[in-house]
Amino acid sequence: MSRDKYSAEFKSRIVLAIIQGDKDFNTICSENNLNPGMVRKWRIEFLKNAHKAFDHEAALKSAQKGEKNLQKVNDQMLKTIGQLTLERDFLQGCFRKIGHPIPSIPEYDRKK
């Protein structure tokens, strides 16, 4: 017998309906073809994690700060890559002007 997977939105609607108390617990379970034991676990989990609904703003600020830090690191890496590319091109041009072969890097050649 396969297990049904319920979305977080569906679970929260069921639990909120139970908490509101407009309908009996067993009535809600039978109307939605749900196992009462499973729904009890949903309710316990919902109540245990209810405080997280108010932590959303702090989590969002933290995520935005992390994103800004990653963007700074990314920008610095792109700047470094650009600088190294310019230096490589300049040195290759120097070797060409004097008629010498461009030295190869054995480790790099193996990775190609």
Protein backbone atom coordinates (compact mmCIF):
# COMPACT_ATOMS: atom_id res chain seq x y z
CA MET A 1 0.00 0.00 0.00
CA SER A 2 1.52 3.32 -1.04
CA ARG A 3 1.75 6.26 1.31
CA ASP A 4 0.08 9.50 0.39
CA LYS A 5 2.18 12.63 0.62
CA TYR A 6 0.39 15.70 1.82
CA SER A 7 1.57 19.25 1.28
CA ALA A 8 2.46 21.49 4.18
CA GLU A 9 -0.41 23.76 3.17
CA PHE A 10 -2.92 20.89 3.36
CA LYS A 11 -1.60 19.73 6.73
CA SER A 12 -1.79 23.24 8.17
CA ARG A 13 -5.37 23.69 6.91
CA ILE A 14 -6.40 20.44 8.60
CA VAL A 15 -4.65 21.31 11.87
CA LEU A 16 -6.10 24.83 11.91
CA ALA A 17 -9.58 23.42 11.34
CA ILE A 18 -9.07 21.14 14.34
CA ILE A 19 -7.74 23.95 16.52
CA GLN A 20 -10.65 26.24 15.58
CA GLY A 21 -12.98 23.57 16.90
CA ASP A 22 -15.87 24.22 14.51
CA LYS A 23 -15.99 20.51 13.70
CA ASP A 24 -15.16 17.44 15.72
CA PHE A 25 -11.67 15.95 15.32
CA ASN A 26 -12.99 12.62 14.03
CA THR A 27 -15.35 14.35 11.61
CA ILE A 28 -12.49 16.30 10.02
CA CYS A 29 -10.42 13.12 9.73
CA SER A 30 -13.24 11.11 8.15
CA GLU A 31 -14.24 13.89 5.73
CA ASN A 32 -10.66 14.00 4.43
CA ASN A 33 -10.01 10.25 4.62
CA LEU A 34 -7.15 10.75 7.08
CA ASN A 35 -5.81 8.50 9.81
CA PRO A 36 -6.51 10.15 13.19
CA GLY A 37 -3.12 9.08 14.57
CA MET A 38 -1.34 10.77 11.69
CA VAL A 39 -3.38 13.94 12.15
CA ARG A 40 -2.56 13.98 15.89
CA LYS A 41 1.15 13.90 14.95
CA TRP A 42 0.59 16.79 12.54
CA ARG A 43 -1.12 18.79 15.30
CA ILE A 44 1.69 18.13 17.79
CA GLU A 45 4.33 19.09 15.22
CA PHE A 46 2.36 22.20 14.24
CA LEU A 47 2.03 23.40 17.83
CA LYS A 48 5.66 22.58 18.60
CA ASN A 49 6.87 24.69 15.65
CA ALA A 50 4.30 27.50 15.74
CA HIS A 51 6.88 29.99 17.05
CA LYS A 52 8.82 29.67 13.79
CA ALA A 53 6.07 31.58 12.00
CA PHE A 54 7.26 34.70 13.82
CA ASP A 55 10.97 34.03 13.15
CA HIS A 56 10.47 34.43 9.40
CA GLU A 57 11.69 38.04 9.34
CA ALA A 58 14.92 37.22 11.18
CA ALA A 59 15.56 34.24 8.91
CA LEU A 60 14.94 36.40 5.84
CA LYS A 61 17.40 39.06 7.03
CA SER A 62 20.00 36.39 7.73
CA ALA A 63 19.52 34.89 4.27
CA GLN A 64 19.82 38.32 2.64
CA LYS A 65 23.03 39.03 4.57
CA GLY A 66 24.46 35.67 3.48
CA GLU A 67 23.48 36.43 -0.11
CA LYS A 68 25.25 39.80 0.04
CA ASN A 69 28.39 38.14 1.41
CA LEU A 70 28.32 35.54 -1.36
CA GLN A 71 27.88 38.28 -3.95
CA LYS A 72 30.96 40.11 -2.57
CA VAL A 73 33.01 36.91 -2.76
CA ASN A 74 31.74 36.24 -6.29
CA ASP A 75 32.59 39.79 -7.41
CA GLN A 76 36.11 39.48 -5.95
CA MET A 77 36.65 36.14 -7.71
CA LEU A 78 35.49 37.59 -11.04
CA LYS A 79 37.83 40.55 -10.55
CA THR A 80 40.73 38.19 -9.82
CA ILE A 81 39.91 36.02 -12.85
CA GLY A 82 39.83 39.11 -15.06
CA GLN A 83 43.18 40.31 -13.72
CA LEU A 84 44.79 36.89 -14.21
CA THR A 85 43.41 36.65 -17.74
CA LEU A 86 44.90 40.05 -18.61
CA GLU A 87 48.27 39.05 -17.17
CA ARG A 88 48.27 35.74 -19.05
CA ASP A 89 47.37 37.40 -22.34
CA PHE A 90 50.07 40.02 -21.83
CA LEU A 91 52.74 37.39 -21.09
CA GLN A 92 51.67 35.26 -24.06
CA GLY A 93 51.99 38.34 -26.26
CA CYS A 94 55.49 38.99 -24.93
CA PHE A 95 56.57 35.43 -25.75
CA ARG A 96 55.13 35.74 -29.27
CA LYS A 97 56.92 39.06 -29.90
CA ILE A 98 60.32 37.62 -29.04
CA GLY A 99 59.63 34.43 -31.00
CA HIS A 100 59.72 31.98 -28.10
CA PRO A 101 57.16 29.22 -27.63
CA ILE A 102 54.62 29.82 -24.91
CA PRO A 103 55.54 27.61 -21.94
CA SER A 104 52.97 25.00 -21.04
CA ILE A 105 51.96 23.92 -17.59
CA PRO A 106 52.21 20.12 -17.41
CA GLU A 107 49.50 19.84 -14.76
CA TYR A 108 47.12 21.96 -16.86
CA ASP A 109 47.87 20.03 -20.05
CA ARG A 110 46.93 16.73 -18.37
CA LYS A 111 43.52 18.06 -17.33
CA LYS A 112 42.52 18.99 -20.90
